[in-house]
């Protein structure tokens, strides 16, 4: 991901970020947005899809009181994939300071599945 920073006078800023074929930009001057879009469309074939709502796995909600970013959909997808939708949430998933030990008689864990879960 590359970041391009375009500055107008000291109080104007336009930031853009490109990832493969996705381009997002933000700033504090709508006139600069329009000028940036015009410049980019002269150079590249582009489609303006409006305000960002989803980007690289992030859900984006733009409201009057701010911009809110979450991965709620991604988290729900992971819970579903590992059949954990009905699990109870916990602030601390393991008791602090507890000493873990291996029990050979216990149920064997699929190491590939475990690594996939932890990596997600």
Protein backbone atom coordinates (compact mmCIF):
# COMPACT_ATOMS: atom_id res chain seq x y z
CA UNK A 1 0.00 0.00 0.00
CA UNK A 2 1.41 3.41 -0.97
CA UNK A 3 0.42 6.73 0.52
CA UNK A 4 0.47 9.96 -1.44
CA UNK A 5 0.13 13.27 0.34
CA UNK A 6 -0.90 16.34 -1.66
CA UNK A 7 -0.82 19.64 0.16
CA UNK A 8 -2.46 22.86 -0.92
CA UNK A 9 -1.95 25.86 1.32
CA UNK A 10 -1.05 25.16 4.96
CA UNK A 11 -4.64 24.32 5.93
CA UNK A 12 -5.58 22.01 3.04
CA UNK A 13 -4.63 18.36 2.77
CA UNK A 14 -5.55 15.44 0.51
CA UNK A 15 -4.27 11.93 1.29
CA UNK A 16 -4.63 8.99 -1.06
CA UNK A 17 -3.81 5.32 -0.74
CA UNK A 18 -3.67 2.72 -3.51
CA UNK A 19 -3.80 -1.05 -3.11
CA UNK A 20 -3.69 -3.07 -6.34
CA UNK A 21 -6.68 -1.59 -8.21
CA UNK A 22 -8.38 0.19 -5.29
CA UNK A 23 -7.76 3.86 -4.57
CA UNK A 24 -9.09 5.77 -1.59
CA UNK A 25 -8.52 9.38 -0.68
CA UNK A 26 -9.52 11.78 2.02
CA UNK A 27 -8.79 15.28 3.15
CA UNK A 28 -10.34 18.47 4.41
CA UNK A 29 -11.20 20.29 1.17
CA UNK A 30 -13.93 18.96 -1.19
CA UNK A 31 -12.59 21.16 -4.02
CA UNK A 32 -9.27 19.31 -3.81
CA UNK A 33 -11.20 15.99 -3.99
CA UNK A 34 -12.82 17.01 -7.25
CA UNK A 35 -9.53 18.24 -8.72
CA UNK A 36 -7.79 15.02 -7.65
CA UNK A 37 -10.58 12.89 -9.22
CA UNK A 38 -10.39 14.87 -12.48
CA UNK A 39 -6.61 14.44 -12.63
CA UNK A 40 -6.81 10.70 -11.93
CA UNK A 41 -9.60 10.05 -14.48
CA UNK A 42 -7.59 11.82 -17.20
CA UNK A 43 -4.72 9.44 -16.49
CA UNK A 44 -6.52 6.18 -15.56
CA UNK A 45 -9.80 4.40 -16.28
CA UNK A 46 -11.71 4.84 -13.02
CA UNK A 47 -15.14 4.46 -11.47
CA UNK A 48 -16.21 6.62 -8.55
CA UNK A 49 -18.28 4.43 -6.23
CA UNK A 50 -18.91 7.19 -3.70
CA UNK A 51 -18.23 7.14 0.01
CA UNK A 52 -16.21 4.21 1.24
CA UNK A 53 -18.17 1.55 3.11
CA UNK A 54 -15.79 -1.43 2.86
CA UNK A 55 -12.05 -1.59 2.17
CA UNK A 56 -9.56 -4.45 2.60
CA UNK A 57 -11.75 -6.25 5.13
CA UNK A 58 -12.62 -3.12 7.07
CA UNK A 59 -16.20 -1.93 7.39
CA UNK A 60 -16.41 1.85 7.32
CA UNK A 61 -19.41 3.81 8.63
CA UNK A 62 -19.30 7.52 7.89
CA UNK A 63 -21.60 9.55 10.11
CA UNK A 64 -22.02 13.17 11.19
CA UNK A 65 -20.14 12.55 14.46
CA UNK A 66 -17.21 10.71 12.91
CA UNK A 67 -15.94 7.80 10.85
CA UNK A 68 -16.15 4.39 12.49
CA UNK A 69 -14.09 1.39 11.38
CA UNK A 70 -14.75 -2.20 12.43
CA UNK A 71 -14.19 -5.80 11.41
CA UNK A 72 -17.50 -7.09 12.76
CA UNK A 73 -18.38 -8.96 9.55
CA UNK A 74 -14.94 -10.56 9.38
CA UNK A 75 -15.12 -11.62 13.05
CA UNK A 76 -18.57 -13.17 12.51
CA UNK A 77 -17.25 -15.01 9.44
CA UNK A 78 -14.39 -16.49 11.48
CA UNK A 79 -16.73 -17.56 14.28
CA UNK A 80 -18.98 -19.26 11.72
CA UNK A 81 -16.06 -20.96 9.93
CA UNK A 82 -14.83 -22.51 13.19
CA UNK A 83 -18.36 -23.27 14.47
CA UNK A 84 -18.03 -20.85 17.38
CA UNK A 85 -21.13 -18.67 16.83
CA UNK A 86 -22.68 -19.80 20.12
CA UNK A 87 -19.54 -19.30 22.24
CA UNK A 88 -19.71 -16.86 25.14
CA UNK A 89 -17.56 -13.74 24.86
CA UNK A 90 -14.87 -13.15 27.47
CA UNK A 91 -12.73 -10.11 28.20
CA UNK A 92 -9.83 -12.36 29.22
CA UNK A 93 -10.14 -15.76 27.51
CA UNK A 94 -7.72 -17.47 29.93
CA UNK A 95 -7.34 -16.97 33.64
CA UNK A 96 -4.34 -14.69 34.25
CA UNK A 97 -1.25 -16.33 35.71
CA UNK A 98 -2.50 -19.90 35.25
CA UNK A 99 0.16 -22.52 34.52
CA UNK A 100 -0.75 -24.74 31.57
CA UNK A 101 0.33 -28.34 31.29
CA UNK A 102 -0.03 -31.03 28.66
CA UNK A 103 -2.51 -33.85 29.26
CA UNK A 104 -1.74 -36.82 27.02
CA UNK A 105 -5.14 -38.46 27.59
CA UNK A 106 -7.01 -35.41 26.28
CA UNK A 107 -8.65 -35.04 22.90
CA UNK A 108 -6.10 -34.53 20.12
CA UNK A 109 -6.20 -31.15 18.40
CA UNK A 110 -5.84 -30.81 14.65
CA UNK A 111 -2.69 -28.62 14.42
CA UNK A 112 -3.60 -27.24 10.97
CA UNK A 113 -7.08 -26.23 12.11
CA UNK A 114 -5.66 -24.70 15.32
CA UNK A 115 -3.03 -22.67 13.41
CA UNK A 116 -5.69 -21.48 10.98
CA UNK A 117 -7.94 -20.36 13.85
CA UNK A 118 -5.14 -18.56 15.69
CA UNK A 119 -3.91 -16.96 12.45
CA UNK A 120 -7.37 -15.66 11.68
